[in-house]
Each structure stands twice: as C-alpha cells, then as structure tokens.
Amino acid sequence: MKSKFDRLSLGFFLGIIVPIITLIVVYFARFETYTFPSFIRTLVALHALPALLSLTVIPNLLVFFIFIWTNHLYAARGVLGATIVAALIIMLIKYLIV
C-alpha cells in the first residue's frame, strides 16, 4: 500500500519550506536587532547572502534521510529536487546579483 506521505510534491514543498524556516530561525536567534529587510541588505552589502542561504539548505539533509529511512522514496526525490533548485538559485544570486 502506498503511503499518503510518499509524494514528490510533499517532498518538494518541505524541501522549499525547511530552508525558509531555517533562515527565519537564524534571523530571530542571532540578528533580531535588525529589521528583516535591513538584515538582508546587510548580508548583500557584506556579500554574505549566498553563504547564509547555502547553510540554510543543510537541514534538508535531515528531511531527506527521514524520508529515505521511512521508505518514502518519492518524497525524498522531491526534497532532492528542491535542494537542486535552491542550489541553482543560490548560484544565480552569487554570480549574477551580488
């Protein structure tokens, strides 16, 4: 029987949401004195935005391995796809924008 959690769309959704949540947690844990837009502007000015965004993708490993260990292989593919999309976006930011 196929699990309702073993869907590519669920994995992709979690693969996009987890880095966003991680970025918000980093902001509130470390840089709460800044407003969020000034926090982003400071990261851009310091050329640190791509590095921080790269670090926010690391928790996707945990989500990926949880799906692998529970034999939800399609959801794991979705997380992998979202991570690849995030990597492409980070490369664009690093080499074209910042």
C-alpha atoms as a PDB file:
ATOM      1  CA  MET A   1       0.000   0.000   0.000  1.00  0.00           C
ATOM      2  CA  LYS A   2       1.334   3.395  -0.971  1.00  0.00           C
ATOM      3  CA  SER A   3       1.628   5.900   1.852  1.00  0.00           C
ATOM      4  CA  LYS A   4      -0.109   9.247   1.524  1.00  0.00           C
ATOM      5  CA  PHE A   5       3.167  10.897   2.550  1.00  0.00           C
ATOM      6  CA  ASP A   6       5.189   9.320  -0.261  1.00  0.00           C
ATOM      7  CA  ARG A   7       4.562  12.060  -2.815  1.00  0.00           C
ATOM      8  CA  LEU A   8       7.014  14.084  -4.842  1.00  0.00           C
ATOM      9  CA  SER A   9       5.028  17.261  -4.182  1.00  0.00           C
ATOM     10  CA  LEU A  10       5.238  16.841  -0.400  1.00  0.00           C
ATOM     11  CA  GLY A  11       8.997  16.361  -0.554  1.00  0.00           C
ATOM     12  CA  PHE A  12       9.429  19.373  -2.833  1.00  0.00           C
ATOM     13  CA  PHE A  13       7.235  21.516  -0.575  1.00  0.00           C
ATOM     14  CA  LEU A  14       9.201  20.528   2.540  1.00  0.00           C
ATOM     15  CA  GLY A  15      12.475  20.994   0.664  1.00  0.00           C
ATOM     16  CA  ILE A  16      11.487  24.615  -0.028  1.00  0.00           C
ATOM     17  CA  ILE A  17       9.908  25.382   3.363  1.00  0.00           C
ATOM     18  CA  VAL A  18      12.678  23.980   5.608  1.00  0.00           C
ATOM     19  CA  PRO A  19      15.379  26.428   4.361  1.00  0.00           C
ATOM     20  CA  ILE A  20      12.945  29.344   4.717  1.00  0.00           C
ATOM     21  CA  ILE A  21      12.165  28.318   8.294  1.00  0.00           C
ATOM     22  CA  THR A  22      15.886  27.906   8.963  1.00  0.00           C
ATOM     23  CA  LEU A  23      16.580  31.427   7.670  1.00  0.00           C
ATOM     24  CA  ILE A  24      13.850  32.830   9.921  1.00  0.00           C
ATOM     25  CA  VAL A  25      15.214  30.931  12.934  1.00  0.00           C
ATOM     26  CA  VAL A  26      18.735  32.243  12.249  1.00  0.00           C
ATOM     27  CA  TYR A  27      17.363  35.764  11.961  1.00  0.00           C
ATOM     28  CA  PHE A  28      15.454  35.603  15.258  1.00  0.00           C
ATOM     29  CA  ALA A  29      18.212  33.743  17.105  1.00  0.00           C
ATOM     30  CA  ARG A  30      21.098  35.961  16.101  1.00  0.00           C
ATOM     31  CA  PHE A  31      20.066  39.176  14.325  1.00  0.00           C
ATOM     32  CA  GLU A  32      16.829  40.241  15.965  1.00  0.00           C
ATOM     33  CA  THR A  33      18.118  43.800  16.496  1.00  0.00           C
ATOM     34  CA  TYR A  34      17.868  44.403  12.729  1.00  0.00           C
ATOM     35  CA  THR A  35      14.640  44.564  10.805  1.00  0.00           C
ATOM     36  CA  PHE A  36      14.392  41.707   8.332  1.00  0.00           C
ATOM     37  CA  PRO A  37      14.870  43.926   5.238  1.00  0.00           C
ATOM     38  CA  SER A  38      17.914  45.617   6.785  1.00  0.00           C
ATOM     39  CA  PHE A  39      19.243  42.179   7.728  1.00  0.00           C
ATOM     40  CA  ILE A  40      19.028  41.112   4.068  1.00  0.00           C
ATOM     41  CA  ARG A  41      20.552  44.424   2.885  1.00  0.00           C
ATOM     42  CA  THR A  42      23.447  43.966   5.320  1.00  0.00           C
ATOM     43  CA  LEU A  43      24.054  40.432   4.050  1.00  0.00           C
ATOM     44  CA  VAL A  44      24.044  41.713   0.471  1.00  0.00           C
ATOM     45  CA  ALA A  45      26.445  44.540   1.350  1.00  0.00           C
ATOM     46  CA  LEU A  46      28.814  42.091   3.047  1.00  0.00           C
ATOM     47  CA  HIS A  47      28.486  39.593   0.146  1.00  0.00           C
ATOM     48  CA  ALA A  48      27.361  37.025   2.712  1.00  0.00           C
ATOM     49  CA  LEU A  49      23.856  36.297   1.420  1.00  0.00           C
ATOM     50  CA  PRO A  50      24.813  33.311  -0.777  1.00  0.00           C
ATOM     51  CA  ALA A  51      26.842  31.781   2.054  1.00  0.00           C
ATOM     52  CA  LEU A  52      23.990  32.074   4.539  1.00  0.00           C
ATOM     53  CA  LEU A  53      21.471  30.741   2.028  1.00  0.00           C
ATOM     54  CA  SER A  54      23.778  27.784   1.380  1.00  0.00           C
ATOM     55  CA  LEU A  55      23.829  27.000   5.085  1.00  0.00           C
ATOM     56  CA  THR A  56      20.043  27.147   5.345  1.00  0.00           C
ATOM     57  CA  VAL A  57      19.749  24.220   2.916  1.00  0.00           C
ATOM     58  CA  ILE A  58      21.676  21.864   5.234  1.00  0.00           C
ATOM     59  CA  PRO A  59      18.581  20.870   7.290  1.00  0.00           C
ATOM     60  CA  ASN A  60      17.176  19.390   4.075  1.00  0.00           C
ATOM     61  CA  LEU A  61      19.606  16.528   4.699  1.00  0.00           C
ATOM     62  CA  LEU A  62      17.662  15.573   7.802  1.00  0.00           C
ATOM     63  CA  VAL A  63      14.344  15.680   5.941  1.00  0.00           C
ATOM     64  CA  PHE A  64      15.859  13.702   3.048  1.00  0.00           C
ATOM     65  CA  PHE A  65      17.233  10.969   5.319  1.00  0.00           C
ATOM     66  CA  ILE A  66      14.000  10.730   7.308  1.00  0.00           C
ATOM     67  CA  PHE A  67      12.156  10.055   4.059  1.00  0.00           C
ATOM     68  CA  ILE A  68      14.801   7.507   2.997  1.00  0.00           C
ATOM     69  CA  TRP A  69      14.734   5.694   6.358  1.00  0.00           C
ATOM     70  CA  THR A  70      10.937   5.513   6.307  1.00  0.00           C
ATOM     71  CA  ASN A  71      10.984   4.237   2.707  1.00  0.00           C
ATOM     72  CA  HIS A  72       9.231   7.307   1.260  1.00  0.00           C
ATOM     73  CA  LEU A  73      11.432   7.430  -1.807  1.00  0.00           C
ATOM     74  CA  TYR A  74       9.272   9.746  -3.924  1.00  0.00           C
ATOM     75  CA  ALA A  75       9.163  12.319  -1.133  1.00  0.00           C
ATOM     76  CA  ALA A  76      12.953  12.017  -0.815  1.00  0.00           C
ATOM     77  CA  ARG A  77      13.220  12.737  -4.547  1.00  0.00           C
ATOM     78  CA  GLY A  78      11.129  15.849  -4.016  1.00  0.00           C
ATOM     79  CA  VAL A  79      13.473  17.091  -1.284  1.00  0.00           C
ATOM     80  CA  LEU A  80      16.430  16.421  -3.563  1.00  0.00           C
ATOM     81  CA  GLY A  81      14.754  18.319  -6.400  1.00  0.00           C
ATOM     82  CA  ALA A  82      14.014  21.292  -4.148  1.00  0.00           C
ATOM     83  CA  THR A  83      17.619  21.290  -2.943  1.00  0.00           C
ATOM     84  CA  ILE A  84      18.871  21.352  -6.531  1.00  0.00           C
ATOM     85  CA  VAL A  85      16.520  24.244  -7.342  1.00  0.00           C
ATOM     86  CA  ALA A  86      17.755  26.086  -4.235  1.00  0.00           C
ATOM     87  CA  ALA A  87      21.370  25.482  -5.284  1.00  0.00           C
ATOM     88  CA  LEU A  88      20.671  26.942  -8.730  1.00  0.00           C
ATOM     89  CA  ILE A  89      19.004  29.999  -7.193  1.00  0.00           C
ATOM     90  CA  ILE A  90      21.927  30.481  -4.798  1.00  0.00           C
ATOM     91  CA  MET A  91      24.384  30.245  -7.705  1.00  0.00           C
ATOM     92  CA  LEU A  92      22.388  32.865  -9.614  1.00  0.00           C
ATOM     93  CA  ILE A  93      22.439  35.154  -6.589  1.00  0.00           C
ATOM     94  CA  LYS A  94      26.147  34.615  -6.076  1.00  0.00           C
ATOM     95  CA  TYR A  95      27.292  35.184  -9.638  1.00  0.00           C
ATOM     96  CA  LEU A  96      24.670  37.495 -11.129  1.00  0.00           C
ATOM     97  CA  ILE A  97      23.127  39.599  -8.403  1.00  0.00           C
ATOM     98  CA  VAL A  98      25.544  40.049  -5.512  1.00  0.00           C
END
